[in-house]
Amino acid sequence: VQLVESGGGLVQAGGSLRLSCAPSGRTFTSYATGWFRQTPGKEREFVAAISWSGDSTFYADSVKGRFTISRDNAKNSVYLQVNSLKSEDTAIYYCAAAYGLGPYRGGDEYDYWGQGTQVTVSS
C-alpha cells in the first residue's frame, strides 16, 4: 500500500491546516490509520490514530483538543485537522496504515508509511 499525504504548508501560530492521506491504488477498508510526526534530531512521535471503522480514536496528550483525526471510507481518505497550531507542532507529518481494527499508538504496529508532508508554524 502506497500512502500519499497532502495539505501541509506554512502557517502562522494559531492557524489551521487539514492534512489528508490516501492510499494509491488500494482501498483503506480494514486498515487502521495513524499520524506521526518527526523533527530533525528527534525520534518519530505519535500524534493520532483511528480505527478502520472510524469509531475509535487515540491522541497524544500534546495535541488533544487541538487536532482531530477522521476518515471517510467512501472517499478512501483519512484526515488530520490541526488547529491552534504552535511552533512546536512544526514537523514532517507522516501517515501510516496497519491491517486490522486499531487504533494503534505504536509506530512498529504499522506496515505502510507515506513520504510525509511538511508543516511549518511561524511564530
Protein backbone atom coordinates (compact mmCIF):
# COMPACT_ATOMS: atom_id res chain seq x y z
CA VAL A 1 0.00 0.00 0.00
CA GLN A 2 1.48 3.34 -1.04
CA LEU A 3 0.26 6.25 1.04
CA VAL A 4 0.17 9.82 -0.18
CA GLU A 5 -0.11 12.74 2.21
CA SER A 6 -1.08 16.29 1.31
CA GLY A 7 -2.17 19.51 2.95
CA GLY A 8 0.99 20.60 4.72
CA GLY A 9 2.36 24.10 4.46
CA LEU A 10 3.47 27.25 6.22
CA VAL A 11 1.00 28.73 8.69
CA GLN A 12 1.14 31.31 11.45
CA ALA A 13 0.83 30.31 15.07
CA GLY A 14 -2.82 29.86 15.94
CA GLY A 15 -3.70 28.86 12.41
CA SER A 16 -5.12 25.64 10.99
CA LEU A 17 -4.46 23.08 8.31
CA ARG A 18 -6.12 19.89 7.17
CA LEU A 19 -3.80 17.07 6.27
CA SER A 20 -5.05 14.29 4.03
CA CYS A 21 -3.85 10.75 3.43
CA ALA A 22 -4.96 8.38 0.73
CA PRO A 23 -3.67 5.05 -0.49
CA SER A 24 -2.56 4.76 -4.05
CA GLY A 25 -4.29 2.01 -5.95
CA ARG A 26 -5.87 0.35 -2.95
CA THR A 27 -8.78 0.79 -0.59
CA PHE A 28 -8.35 1.86 3.02
CA THR A 29 -11.03 -0.59 4.15
CA SER A 30 -9.83 -2.80 7.02
CA TYR A 31 -6.79 -0.59 7.66
CA ALA A 32 -6.36 1.31 10.89
CA THR A 33 -4.56 4.58 10.26
CA GLY A 34 -2.31 6.83 12.26
CA TRP A 35 -0.45 10.10 12.02
CA PHE A 36 3.06 10.57 13.33
CA ARG A 37 5.49 13.47 13.16
CA GLN A 38 9.21 13.95 13.26
CA THR A 39 11.63 16.85 13.50
CA PRO A 40 15.38 16.70 12.77
CA GLY A 41 17.34 15.11 15.58
CA LYS A 42 14.26 13.79 17.35
CA GLU A 43 12.51 10.46 17.36
CA ARG A 44 9.29 9.95 15.49
CA GLU A 45 6.33 10.92 17.68
CA PHE A 46 2.81 9.51 17.74
CA VAL A 47 0.14 12.12 17.03
CA ALA A 48 -3.22 10.44 16.47
CA ALA A 49 -4.78 7.19 15.33
CA ILE A 50 -8.17 5.98 14.17
CA SER A 51 -9.72 2.54 13.85
CA TRP A 52 -10.60 1.26 10.40
CA SER A 53 -14.28 1.75 11.20
CA GLY A 54 -13.68 5.30 12.39
CA ASP A 55 -15.44 4.88 15.72
CA SER A 56 -12.37 4.85 17.95
CA THR A 57 -9.51 7.33 18.15
CA PHE A 58 -6.35 7.95 20.18
CA TYR A 59 -4.44 11.21 20.57
CA ALA A 60 -1.13 12.24 22.01
CA ASP A 61 -1.58 14.43 25.08
CA SER A 62 0.23 17.27 23.34
CA VAL A 63 -2.43 17.56 20.63
CA LYS A 64 -5.65 16.67 22.45
CA GLY A 65 -8.28 19.31 21.97
CA ARG A 66 -6.43 20.85 19.02
CA PHE A 67 -6.12 18.02 16.46
CA THR A 68 -8.87 15.81 15.12
CA ILE A 69 -8.39 12.62 13.14
CA SER A 70 -11.20 11.40 10.93
CA ARG A 71 -11.78 9.19 7.95
CA ASP A 72 -14.17 8.92 5.06
CA ASN A 73 -14.03 5.36 3.80
CA ALA A 74 -16.34 6.25 0.92
CA LYS A 75 -13.68 8.70 -0.26
CA ASN A 76 -10.87 6.35 0.74
CA SER A 77 -9.20 9.06 2.78
CA VAL A 78 -8.04 9.86 6.29
CA TYR A 79 -7.70 13.40 7.58
CA LEU A 80 -5.94 15.22 10.37
CA GLN A 81 -7.44 18.61 11.19
CA VAL A 82 -4.82 20.62 13.02
CA ASN A 83 -5.99 23.74 14.83
CA SER A 84 -4.44 26.26 17.19
CA LEU A 85 -1.04 25.44 15.80
CA LYS A 86 2.06 26.16 17.86
CA SER A 87 5.67 26.49 16.80
CA GLU A 88 6.39 23.16 18.46
CA ASP A 89 3.99 21.49 16.01
CA THR A 90 6.48 22.18 13.22
CA ALA A 91 7.48 18.79 11.81
CA ILE A 92 7.12 16.41 8.93
CA TYR A 93 3.81 14.61 9.37
CA TYR A 94 3.56 11.01 8.25
CA CYS A 95 0.50 8.89 7.59
CA ALA A 96 0.69 5.18 8.40
CA ALA A 97 -1.62 2.23 7.86
CA ALA A 98 -1.95 -1.14 9.55
CA TYR A 99 -4.17 -4.01 8.54
CA GLY A 100 -6.57 -4.51 11.44
CA LEU A 101 -9.20 -2.79 13.55
CA GLY A 102 -6.94 -0.49 15.58
CA PRO A 103 -6.41 2.16 16.58
CA TYR A 104 -2.72 1.69 17.35
CA ARG A 105 -0.28 4.03 19.08
CA GLY A 106 2.99 2.32 18.33
CA GLY A 107 4.84 3.04 15.13
CA ASP A 108 6.00 -0.55 14.93
CA GLU A 109 2.39 -1.68 14.62
CA TYR A 110 2.08 -0.05 11.23
CA ASP A 111 3.00 -1.73 7.99
CA TYR A 112 2.85 1.12 5.50
CA TRP A 113 4.09 4.69 5.60
CA GLY A 114 3.77 7.74 3.40
CA GLN A 115 6.55 10.10 2.37
CA GLY A 116 5.40 12.83 4.72
CA THR A 117 4.15 16.38 4.42
CA GLN A 118 5.89 19.35 5.99
CA VAL A 119 4.04 21.54 8.46
CA THR A 120 5.83 24.73 9.46
CA VAL A 121 4.36 27.05 12.07
CA SER A 122 5.77 30.55 12.26
CA SER A 123 5.55 32.48 15.50
